[in-house]
N, C-alpha and C. Protein backbone atom coordinates (compact mmCIF):
# COMPACT_ATOMS: atom_id res chain seq x y z
N MET A 1 85.09 27.07 40.43
CA MET A 1 85.16 25.85 39.65
C MET A 1 85.42 26.22 38.19
N ALA A 2 86.46 25.68 37.64
CA ALA A 2 86.79 25.94 36.25
C ALA A 2 86.18 24.86 35.37
N LYS A 3 85.57 25.28 34.27
CA LYS A 3 85.03 24.34 33.30
C LYS A 3 85.95 24.30 32.09
N ILE A 4 86.12 23.13 31.53
CA ILE A 4 86.98 22.95 30.37
C ILE A 4 86.12 22.66 29.15
N ASP A 5 86.36 23.36 28.07
CA ASP A 5 85.64 23.11 26.81
C ASP A 5 86.17 21.82 26.21
N VAL A 6 85.31 20.80 26.14
CA VAL A 6 85.70 19.50 25.58
C VAL A 6 85.12 19.30 24.19
N GLY A 7 84.51 20.33 23.63
CA GLY A 7 83.97 20.24 22.28
C GLY A 7 82.51 19.80 22.27
N ALA A 8 81.98 19.70 21.08
CA ALA A 8 80.58 19.30 20.90
C ALA A 8 80.48 17.78 21.03
N ARG A 9 79.85 17.33 22.11
CA ARG A 9 79.73 15.88 22.37
C ARG A 9 78.33 15.55 22.86
N THR A 10 78.01 14.28 22.80
CA THR A 10 76.70 13.79 23.25
C THR A 10 76.78 13.36 24.71
N ASP A 11 77.12 14.30 25.59
CA ASP A 11 77.34 14.00 27.00
C ASP A 11 76.12 14.20 27.88
N LEU A 12 74.93 14.08 27.34
CA LEU A 12 73.73 14.15 28.14
C LEU A 12 73.45 12.76 28.71
N TYR A 13 73.55 12.62 30.02
CA TYR A 13 73.28 11.33 30.63
C TYR A 13 72.98 11.49 32.11
N PRO A 14 72.38 10.51 32.77
CA PRO A 14 72.03 9.20 32.23
C PRO A 14 70.83 9.28 31.30
N LEU A 15 70.75 8.31 30.41
CA LEU A 15 69.65 8.21 29.46
C LEU A 15 68.86 6.93 29.74
N PRO A 16 67.56 6.97 29.54
CA PRO A 16 66.79 5.74 29.70
C PRO A 16 67.11 4.78 28.55
N THR A 17 67.05 3.50 28.81
CA THR A 17 67.25 2.54 27.73
C THR A 17 65.93 1.86 27.43
N ALA A 18 65.74 1.54 26.17
CA ALA A 18 64.52 0.89 25.72
C ALA A 18 64.87 -0.12 24.64
N LEU A 19 64.03 -1.12 24.53
CA LEU A 19 64.12 -2.07 23.43
C LEU A 19 63.02 -1.70 22.45
N VAL A 20 63.41 -1.32 21.24
CA VAL A 20 62.45 -0.94 20.22
C VAL A 20 62.21 -2.14 19.32
N SER A 21 60.97 -2.57 19.27
CA SER A 21 60.57 -3.72 18.46
C SER A 21 59.89 -3.24 17.19
N CYS A 22 60.13 -3.96 16.10
CA CYS A 22 59.55 -3.54 14.83
C CYS A 22 59.43 -4.73 13.88
N ASP A 23 58.49 -4.62 12.96
CA ASP A 23 58.37 -5.59 11.88
C ASP A 23 57.73 -4.90 10.68
N ASP A 24 57.96 -5.46 9.50
CA ASP A 24 57.46 -4.82 8.28
C ASP A 24 56.21 -5.48 7.70
N GLY A 25 55.70 -6.52 8.36
CA GLY A 25 54.53 -7.22 7.86
C GLY A 25 54.82 -8.24 6.77
N PHE A 26 56.09 -8.35 6.39
CA PHE A 26 56.50 -9.29 5.34
C PHE A 26 57.56 -10.27 5.84
N GLY A 27 57.64 -10.45 7.14
CA GLY A 27 58.56 -11.42 7.70
C GLY A 27 59.81 -10.86 8.35
N ARG A 28 60.14 -9.61 8.06
CA ARG A 28 61.32 -9.01 8.71
C ARG A 28 60.89 -8.41 10.03
N CYS A 29 61.61 -8.78 11.09
CA CYS A 29 61.36 -8.15 12.39
C CYS A 29 62.69 -8.02 13.11
N SER A 30 62.71 -7.14 14.10
CA SER A 30 63.94 -6.94 14.85
C SER A 30 63.65 -6.25 16.17
N ILE A 31 64.68 -6.20 16.99
CA ILE A 31 64.68 -5.44 18.24
C ILE A 31 65.99 -4.68 18.27
N ILE A 32 65.92 -3.39 18.53
CA ILE A 32 67.11 -2.57 18.64
C ILE A 32 67.11 -1.86 19.99
N THR A 33 68.26 -1.79 20.62
CA THR A 33 68.39 -1.06 21.88
C THR A 33 68.58 0.41 21.57
N ILE A 34 67.79 1.25 22.23
CA ILE A 34 67.82 2.69 22.01
C ILE A 34 67.98 3.39 23.36
N SER A 35 68.88 4.35 23.42
CA SER A 35 68.94 5.20 24.61
C SER A 35 68.64 6.65 24.24
N TRP A 36 68.64 6.96 22.97
CA TRP A 36 68.33 8.32 22.54
C TRP A 36 66.83 8.39 22.28
N THR A 37 66.08 8.55 23.36
CA THR A 37 64.63 8.57 23.30
C THR A 37 64.10 9.52 24.35
N GLY A 38 62.89 9.96 24.16
CA GLY A 38 62.27 10.82 25.15
C GLY A 38 60.87 11.26 24.76
N ILE A 39 60.11 11.69 25.74
CA ILE A 39 58.78 12.24 25.50
C ILE A 39 58.95 13.62 24.86
N CYS A 40 58.16 13.91 23.83
CA CYS A 40 58.32 15.21 23.15
C CYS A 40 57.01 15.97 22.98
N ASN A 41 55.88 15.41 23.43
CA ASN A 41 54.61 16.13 23.35
C ASN A 41 53.62 15.51 24.32
N SER A 42 52.73 16.36 24.86
CA SER A 42 51.74 15.88 25.83
C SER A 42 50.43 15.45 25.19
N ASN A 43 49.89 16.27 24.30
CA ASN A 43 48.59 15.98 23.71
C ASN A 43 48.61 16.28 22.22
N PRO A 44 48.65 15.26 21.37
CA PRO A 44 48.62 13.84 21.71
C PRO A 44 49.96 13.40 22.32
N PRO A 45 49.94 12.33 23.12
CA PRO A 45 51.19 11.86 23.70
C PRO A 45 52.13 11.36 22.61
N MET A 46 53.36 11.91 22.62
CA MET A 46 54.32 11.54 21.58
C MET A 46 55.70 11.35 22.19
N LEU A 47 56.49 10.52 21.53
CA LEU A 47 57.88 10.32 21.92
C LEU A 47 58.74 10.30 20.67
N SER A 48 60.04 10.38 20.89
CA SER A 48 60.96 10.33 19.76
C SER A 48 62.03 9.29 20.03
N ILE A 49 62.53 8.70 18.96
CA ILE A 49 63.69 7.82 19.02
C ILE A 49 64.63 8.21 17.89
N ALA A 50 65.92 8.18 18.15
CA ALA A 50 66.92 8.44 17.12
C ALA A 50 67.57 7.11 16.74
N VAL A 51 67.54 6.79 15.45
CA VAL A 51 68.06 5.51 14.96
C VAL A 51 69.05 5.78 13.84
N GLN A 52 70.23 5.18 13.94
CA GLN A 52 71.22 5.31 12.87
C GLN A 52 70.65 4.73 11.57
N LYS A 53 70.89 5.44 10.48
CA LYS A 53 70.34 5.04 9.18
C LYS A 53 70.87 3.70 8.71
N LYS A 54 72.05 3.29 9.19
CA LYS A 54 72.65 2.03 8.74
C LYS A 54 72.11 0.82 9.49
N ARG A 55 71.34 1.03 10.53
CA ARG A 55 70.82 -0.07 11.33
C ARG A 55 69.71 -0.83 10.59
N TYR A 56 69.66 -2.12 10.79
CA TYR A 56 68.65 -2.99 10.17
C TYR A 56 67.23 -2.53 10.54
N SER A 57 67.02 -2.14 11.78
CA SER A 57 65.69 -1.72 12.23
C SER A 57 65.24 -0.41 11.60
N HIS A 58 66.17 0.43 11.19
CA HIS A 58 65.83 1.73 10.64
C HIS A 58 64.87 1.62 9.47
N ASP A 59 65.21 0.80 8.47
CA ASP A 59 64.36 0.68 7.29
C ASP A 59 63.03 0.01 7.61
N ILE A 60 63.04 -0.91 8.56
CA ILE A 60 61.79 -1.57 8.95
C ILE A 60 60.82 -0.54 9.55
N ILE A 61 61.33 0.31 10.44
CA ILE A 61 60.49 1.34 11.05
C ILE A 61 60.04 2.35 9.99
N LEU A 62 60.96 2.74 9.11
CA LEU A 62 60.64 3.70 8.06
C LEU A 62 59.54 3.16 7.14
N GLN A 63 59.63 1.89 6.77
CA GLN A 63 58.65 1.30 5.85
C GLN A 63 57.31 1.01 6.52
N SER A 64 57.35 0.53 7.76
CA SER A 64 56.10 0.14 8.43
C SER A 64 55.37 1.32 9.06
N GLY A 65 56.13 2.36 9.45
CA GLY A 65 55.52 3.51 10.09
C GLY A 65 55.07 3.25 11.52
N LYS A 66 55.66 2.24 12.17
CA LYS A 66 55.28 1.94 13.55
C LYS A 66 56.41 1.22 14.25
N PHE A 67 56.36 1.25 15.58
CA PHE A 67 57.32 0.50 16.39
C PHE A 67 56.78 0.38 17.81
N GLY A 68 57.34 -0.54 18.56
CA GLY A 68 57.03 -0.67 19.98
C GLY A 68 58.22 -0.18 20.79
N LEU A 69 57.95 0.60 21.82
CA LEU A 69 59.01 1.01 22.73
C LEU A 69 58.77 0.24 24.03
N ASN A 70 59.70 -0.65 24.35
CA ASN A 70 59.57 -1.56 25.48
C ASN A 70 60.63 -1.22 26.52
N LEU A 71 60.22 -1.06 27.78
CA LEU A 71 61.15 -0.75 28.86
C LEU A 71 61.55 -2.03 29.57
N PRO A 72 62.81 -2.43 29.44
CA PRO A 72 63.28 -3.61 30.16
C PRO A 72 63.59 -3.25 31.61
N ASN A 73 63.74 -4.27 32.44
CA ASN A 73 64.17 -4.02 33.81
C ASN A 73 65.60 -4.52 33.98
N SER A 74 66.16 -4.32 35.16
CA SER A 74 67.57 -4.64 35.38
C SER A 74 67.89 -6.12 35.19
N ASP A 75 66.90 -6.99 35.30
CA ASP A 75 67.12 -8.42 35.06
C ASP A 75 67.32 -8.73 33.57
N GLN A 76 67.00 -7.77 32.71
CA GLN A 76 67.06 -7.99 31.27
C GLN A 76 68.23 -7.26 30.60
N VAL A 77 69.24 -6.88 31.38
CA VAL A 77 70.36 -6.12 30.83
C VAL A 77 71.13 -6.95 29.80
N SER A 78 71.25 -8.25 29.96
CA SER A 78 72.00 -9.06 28.99
C SER A 78 71.27 -9.11 27.65
N GLN A 79 69.95 -9.25 27.66
CA GLN A 79 69.19 -9.23 26.40
C GLN A 79 69.27 -7.85 25.75
N MET A 80 69.18 -6.82 26.58
CA MET A 80 69.24 -5.47 26.06
C MET A 80 70.59 -5.20 25.38
N ASP A 81 71.66 -5.61 26.03
CA ASP A 81 73.00 -5.41 25.46
C ASP A 81 73.17 -6.22 24.17
N PHE A 82 72.67 -7.45 24.16
CA PHE A 82 72.76 -8.28 22.96
C PHE A 82 72.04 -7.60 21.78
N CYS A 83 70.84 -7.10 22.04
CA CYS A 83 70.05 -6.48 20.97
C CYS A 83 70.69 -5.19 20.45
N GLY A 84 71.49 -4.54 21.28
CA GLY A 84 72.15 -3.31 20.87
C GLY A 84 73.48 -3.54 20.16
N ASN A 85 74.00 -4.75 20.26
CA ASN A 85 75.32 -5.03 19.70
C ASN A 85 75.33 -6.09 18.60
N ASN A 86 74.15 -6.52 18.20
CA ASN A 86 74.03 -7.51 17.13
C ASN A 86 72.91 -7.11 16.20
N SER A 87 73.05 -7.45 14.94
CA SER A 87 72.09 -7.04 13.92
C SER A 87 70.98 -8.06 13.74
N GLY A 88 69.79 -7.54 13.48
CA GLY A 88 68.66 -8.38 13.11
C GLY A 88 68.86 -9.07 11.77
N ARG A 89 69.86 -8.62 10.99
CA ARG A 89 70.20 -9.32 9.75
C ARG A 89 70.78 -10.70 10.05
N ASP A 90 71.43 -10.83 11.23
CA ASP A 90 72.15 -12.04 11.58
C ASP A 90 71.45 -12.91 12.62
N TYR A 91 70.53 -12.33 13.39
CA TYR A 91 69.90 -13.06 14.49
C TYR A 91 68.41 -12.80 14.54
N ASP A 92 67.66 -13.83 14.91
CA ASP A 92 66.27 -13.66 15.32
C ASP A 92 66.35 -13.31 16.80
N LYS A 93 66.30 -12.04 17.11
CA LYS A 93 66.54 -11.58 18.48
C LYS A 93 65.46 -12.05 19.45
N TYR A 94 64.24 -12.21 18.98
CA TYR A 94 63.20 -12.75 19.85
C TYR A 94 63.57 -14.16 20.30
N LYS A 95 63.95 -14.98 19.36
CA LYS A 95 64.30 -16.37 19.67
C LYS A 95 65.57 -16.45 20.53
N THR A 96 66.60 -15.72 20.12
CA THR A 96 67.89 -15.76 20.82
C THR A 96 67.76 -15.27 22.26
N CYS A 97 66.97 -14.23 22.48
CA CYS A 97 66.84 -13.64 23.82
C CYS A 97 65.72 -14.25 24.66
N GLY A 98 64.96 -15.17 24.08
CA GLY A 98 63.86 -15.79 24.82
C GLY A 98 62.67 -14.87 25.00
N PHE A 99 62.48 -13.93 24.09
CA PHE A 99 61.35 -13.01 24.15
C PHE A 99 60.16 -13.57 23.40
N THR A 100 58.96 -13.16 23.82
CA THR A 100 57.71 -13.58 23.19
C THR A 100 57.13 -12.42 22.40
N LYS A 101 56.75 -12.68 21.16
CA LYS A 101 56.12 -11.67 20.33
C LYS A 101 54.65 -11.54 20.72
N VAL A 102 54.23 -10.30 20.97
CA VAL A 102 52.82 -9.99 21.18
C VAL A 102 52.49 -8.77 20.32
N ARG A 103 51.21 -8.61 20.05
CA ARG A 103 50.75 -7.50 19.20
C ARG A 103 49.94 -6.51 20.02
N GLY A 104 50.14 -5.24 19.73
CA GLY A 104 49.33 -4.20 20.35
C GLY A 104 47.93 -4.19 19.76
N ASP A 105 47.01 -3.61 20.50
CA ASP A 105 45.60 -3.59 20.09
C ASP A 105 45.26 -2.48 19.11
N LYS A 106 46.08 -1.44 19.02
CA LYS A 106 45.71 -0.26 18.24
C LYS A 106 46.13 -0.34 16.76
N ASN A 107 47.39 -0.68 16.48
CA ASN A 107 47.82 -0.76 15.08
C ASN A 107 48.67 -2.01 14.81
N ASP A 108 48.46 -3.04 15.65
CA ASP A 108 49.11 -4.34 15.44
C ASP A 108 50.63 -4.26 15.55
N THR A 109 51.11 -3.35 16.38
CA THR A 109 52.54 -3.18 16.58
C THR A 109 53.13 -4.38 17.30
N LEU A 110 54.29 -4.81 16.86
CA LEU A 110 55.01 -5.90 17.51
C LEU A 110 55.62 -5.40 18.81
N LEU A 111 55.35 -6.11 19.92
CA LEU A 111 55.84 -5.73 21.24
C LEU A 111 56.58 -6.90 21.87
N ILE A 112 57.15 -6.70 23.05
CA ILE A 112 57.87 -7.73 23.78
C ILE A 112 57.11 -8.04 25.07
N GLU A 113 56.57 -9.24 25.17
CA GLU A 113 55.75 -9.60 26.32
C GLU A 113 56.51 -9.50 27.64
N GLU A 114 57.77 -9.88 27.67
CA GLU A 114 58.54 -9.94 28.91
C GLU A 114 58.95 -8.58 29.46
N CYS A 115 58.88 -7.54 28.69
CA CYS A 115 59.21 -6.21 29.20
C CYS A 115 58.03 -5.68 30.02
N PRO A 116 58.30 -5.12 31.21
CA PRO A 116 57.22 -4.68 32.09
C PRO A 116 56.36 -3.54 31.53
N VAL A 117 56.92 -2.72 30.64
CA VAL A 117 56.18 -1.62 30.03
C VAL A 117 56.41 -1.66 28.52
N SER A 118 55.32 -1.56 27.76
CA SER A 118 55.42 -1.49 26.30
C SER A 118 54.50 -0.39 25.80
N MET A 119 55.00 0.36 24.83
CA MET A 119 54.22 1.45 24.23
C MET A 119 54.06 1.17 22.73
N GLU A 120 52.85 1.24 22.28
CA GLU A 120 52.53 1.03 20.87
C GLU A 120 52.56 2.40 20.19
N CYS A 121 53.43 2.55 19.18
CA CYS A 121 53.70 3.86 18.60
C CYS A 121 53.48 3.88 17.09
N ALA A 122 52.94 5.00 16.60
CA ALA A 122 52.75 5.24 15.17
C ALA A 122 53.59 6.44 14.76
N VAL A 123 54.47 6.24 13.79
CA VAL A 123 55.37 7.30 13.32
C VAL A 123 54.55 8.41 12.65
N LYS A 124 54.79 9.64 13.07
CA LYS A 124 54.11 10.81 12.50
C LYS A 124 55.06 11.68 11.69
N HIS A 125 56.34 11.73 12.09
CA HIS A 125 57.32 12.56 11.41
C HIS A 125 58.68 11.85 11.43
N VAL A 126 59.45 12.06 10.37
CA VAL A 126 60.83 11.57 10.33
C VAL A 126 61.70 12.76 9.97
N LEU A 127 62.67 13.02 10.81
CA LEU A 127 63.57 14.15 10.61
C LEU A 127 64.98 13.63 10.41
N GLY A 128 65.53 13.86 9.23
CA GLY A 128 66.91 13.45 8.95
C GLY A 128 67.88 14.39 9.63
N LEU A 129 68.82 13.83 10.41
CA LEU A 129 69.72 14.68 11.19
C LEU A 129 71.19 14.51 10.82
N GLY A 130 71.52 13.60 10.00
CA GLY A 130 72.93 13.28 9.70
C GLY A 130 73.09 11.78 9.79
N THR A 131 73.79 11.30 10.81
CA THR A 131 73.96 9.85 10.98
C THR A 131 72.67 9.17 11.41
N HIS A 132 71.76 9.92 12.04
CA HIS A 132 70.53 9.37 12.58
C HIS A 132 69.30 10.01 11.92
N ASP A 133 68.20 9.27 11.95
CA ASP A 133 66.89 9.84 11.69
C ASP A 133 66.17 9.89 13.02
N LEU A 134 65.44 10.98 13.25
CA LEU A 134 64.62 11.12 14.43
C LEU A 134 63.20 10.75 14.05
N PHE A 135 62.70 9.67 14.64
CA PHE A 135 61.32 9.24 14.42
C PHE A 135 60.48 9.82 15.55
N ILE A 136 59.51 10.65 15.18
CA ILE A 136 58.59 11.21 16.16
C ILE A 136 57.28 10.45 15.99
N ALA A 137 56.83 9.85 17.10
CA ALA A 137 55.70 8.94 17.01
C ALA A 137 54.65 9.24 18.08
N GLU A 138 53.40 9.02 17.72
CA GLU A 138 52.31 9.12 18.68
C GLU A 138 52.23 7.82 19.46
N ILE A 139 52.09 7.95 20.77
CA ILE A 139 51.89 6.78 21.63
C ILE A 139 50.40 6.44 21.58
N LEU A 140 50.08 5.31 20.94
CA LEU A 140 48.69 4.92 20.78
C LEU A 140 48.14 4.23 22.02
N SER A 141 49.00 3.47 22.70
CA SER A 141 48.60 2.78 23.92
C SER A 141 49.85 2.40 24.71
N THR A 142 49.70 2.34 26.02
CA THR A 142 50.77 1.91 26.92
C THR A 142 50.27 0.72 27.72
N TYR A 143 51.06 -0.35 27.72
CA TYR A 143 50.71 -1.58 28.42
C TYR A 143 51.69 -1.76 29.57
N ILE A 144 51.17 -1.86 30.80
CA ILE A 144 52.01 -1.97 31.99
C ILE A 144 51.67 -3.26 32.73
N ASP A 145 52.69 -4.03 33.06
CA ASP A 145 52.51 -5.25 33.84
C ASP A 145 52.02 -4.87 35.24
N GLU A 146 51.01 -5.55 35.72
CA GLU A 146 50.42 -5.24 37.03
C GLU A 146 51.45 -5.31 38.16
N SER A 147 52.49 -6.13 37.99
CA SER A 147 53.48 -6.29 39.06
C SER A 147 54.31 -5.03 39.30
N VAL A 148 54.32 -4.10 38.36
CA VAL A 148 55.09 -2.86 38.53
C VAL A 148 54.19 -1.63 38.61
N MET A 149 52.88 -1.84 38.74
CA MET A 149 51.90 -0.75 38.68
C MET A 149 51.39 -0.38 40.08
N ASP A 150 51.06 0.91 40.25
CA ASP A 150 50.42 1.34 41.50
C ASP A 150 48.91 1.41 41.30
N ASP A 151 48.18 1.87 42.31
CA ASP A 151 46.72 1.93 42.25
C ASP A 151 46.20 2.92 41.22
N GLU A 152 47.05 3.87 40.81
CA GLU A 152 46.64 4.87 39.83
C GLU A 152 47.08 4.48 38.41
N LYS A 153 47.46 3.22 38.24
CA LYS A 153 47.86 2.67 36.93
C LYS A 153 49.08 3.35 36.34
N ARG A 154 50.02 3.71 37.21
CA ARG A 154 51.32 4.23 36.80
C ARG A 154 52.35 3.19 37.21
N TYR A 155 53.45 3.12 36.46
CA TYR A 155 54.47 2.19 36.92
C TYR A 155 55.28 2.82 38.04
N VAL A 156 55.69 1.97 38.96
CA VAL A 156 56.48 2.38 40.12
C VAL A 156 57.93 2.11 39.79
N VAL A 157 58.74 3.15 39.77
CA VAL A 157 60.12 3.04 39.31
C VAL A 157 60.92 2.02 40.13
N GLU A 158 60.65 1.93 41.44
CA GLU A 158 61.37 0.97 42.27
C GLU A 158 61.03 -0.47 41.89
N LYS A 159 59.81 -0.70 41.42
CA LYS A 159 59.41 -2.04 40.99
C LYS A 159 59.89 -2.32 39.57
N LEU A 160 59.86 -1.31 38.71
CA LEU A 160 60.29 -1.48 37.32
C LEU A 160 61.79 -1.74 37.24
N GLN A 161 62.58 -1.06 38.05
CA GLN A 161 64.03 -1.15 38.03
C GLN A 161 64.58 -0.87 36.63
N PRO A 162 64.36 0.35 36.12
CA PRO A 162 64.81 0.69 34.78
C PRO A 162 66.33 0.72 34.67
N ILE A 163 66.81 0.70 33.45
CA ILE A 163 68.24 0.69 33.18
C ILE A 163 68.61 2.04 32.57
N ALA A 164 69.64 2.65 33.10
CA ALA A 164 70.16 3.90 32.56
C ALA A 164 71.42 3.59 31.76
N TYR A 165 71.68 4.41 30.75
CA TYR A 165 72.88 4.25 29.93
C TYR A 165 73.70 5.52 30.02
N LEU A 166 75.00 5.38 30.27
CA LEU A 166 75.92 6.50 30.29
C LEU A 166 76.72 6.45 28.99
N THR A 167 76.43 7.39 28.10
CA THR A 167 76.94 7.36 26.73
C THR A 167 78.46 7.26 26.65
N LYS A 168 79.16 8.22 27.21
CA LYS A 168 80.62 8.24 27.04
C LYS A 168 81.32 7.15 27.83
N ALA A 169 80.78 6.77 28.97
CA ALA A 169 81.37 5.67 29.75
C ALA A 169 80.99 4.32 29.15
N ARG A 170 79.95 4.31 28.31
CA ARG A 170 79.43 3.08 27.69
C ARG A 170 79.11 2.04 28.76
N GLU A 171 78.34 2.51 29.75
CA GLU A 171 77.96 1.66 30.88
C GLU A 171 76.45 1.68 31.09
N TYR A 172 75.94 0.54 31.56
CA TYR A 172 74.55 0.45 31.99
C TYR A 172 74.54 0.59 33.51
N ARG A 173 73.56 1.31 34.00
CA ARG A 173 73.44 1.49 35.44
C ARG A 173 71.99 1.27 35.85
N GLY A 174 71.80 0.64 37.00
CA GLY A 174 70.49 0.62 37.62
C GLY A 174 70.29 1.99 38.24
N GLY A 175 69.11 2.47 38.22
CA GLY A 175 68.98 3.80 38.79
C GLY A 175 67.60 4.38 38.69
N PHE A 176 67.54 5.67 38.83
CA PHE A 176 66.30 6.44 38.81
C PHE A 176 65.39 6.07 39.97
N THR A 177 65.94 5.57 41.08
CA THR A 177 65.07 5.11 42.16
C THR A 177 65.12 5.98 43.41
N GLU A 178 66.13 6.79 43.61
CA GLU A 178 66.21 7.62 44.80
C GLU A 178 65.30 8.83 44.65
N LYS A 179 64.32 8.96 45.54
CA LYS A 179 63.37 10.07 45.48
C LYS A 179 64.03 11.32 46.07
N LEU A 180 64.07 12.40 45.30
CA LEU A 180 64.70 13.65 45.73
C LEU A 180 63.68 14.74 46.06
N GLY A 181 62.45 14.55 45.66
CA GLY A 181 61.42 15.55 45.92
C GLY A 181 60.23 15.30 45.02
N LYS A 182 59.21 16.13 45.18
CA LYS A 182 58.00 16.04 44.37
C LYS A 182 57.90 17.28 43.50
N TYR A 183 57.24 17.16 42.37
CA TYR A 183 57.02 18.28 41.46
C TYR A 183 56.34 19.41 42.23
N GLY A 184 56.89 20.59 42.14
CA GLY A 184 56.33 21.77 42.78
C GLY A 184 56.73 21.96 44.22
N GLN A 185 57.43 21.02 44.79
CA GLN A 185 57.82 21.08 46.20
C GLN A 185 58.66 22.32 46.50
N TYR A 186 59.47 22.74 45.56
CA TYR A 186 60.39 23.86 45.79
C TYR A 186 60.02 25.10 44.99
N LYS A 187 58.79 25.19 44.52
CA LYS A 187 58.41 26.30 43.63
C LYS A 187 58.55 27.67 44.27
N ASP A 188 58.43 27.76 45.57
CA ASP A 188 58.56 29.04 46.26
C ASP A 188 59.87 29.16 47.03
N HIS A 189 60.72 28.21 46.90
CA HIS A 189 61.93 28.11 47.71
C HIS A 189 62.84 29.35 47.64
N PHE A 190 63.00 29.94 46.47
CA PHE A 190 63.94 31.06 46.30
C PHE A 190 63.24 32.42 46.17
N LYS A 191 61.94 32.46 46.31
CA LYS A 191 61.19 33.71 46.10
C LYS A 191 61.46 34.76 47.17
N ASN A 192 61.66 34.36 48.39
CA ASN A 192 61.84 35.33 49.48
C ASN A 192 63.28 35.48 49.92
N GLY A 193 64.16 35.19 49.03
CA GLY A 193 65.42 35.25 49.24
C GLY A 193 66.67 35.32 49.66
């Protein structure tokens, strides 16, 4: 198999999509769609989001030092796409998308009630990278709708129906539901050779 060098590109996919909610405490609030996100630490639990510096939500997050990371399901793809392609300068995205504002219990973070999973986050570090700033935040609390939760209080991916984003194709996909194995299932698979 021959590989072709296509240059330095952001071809890591599929990526999870999230709706990041934020407000500054002075009346400005917004929701931005983010696919450049991920868990980056176990203890304390932390995640990162990359936000373009020119985005309306960027300054709100920078000033407030907090945000909500909300996981939409496949039924919410139209709201997610709207929030990613329109500015909070021009729209009240909560009102336009039919979302309900709720507050987290830990630091009064603005969240989205209709999203099955919401994480209340406090910014700990901001790393300037060029076009984007990387916000590294501690997850203060995670709120999961009972309808997508199992007995061990974890969300069930088949019930959540998360949305994946393919960067270069600029497509949303339903996915992450086919079970391929369990952690550690193949740990000895190649040892005896």
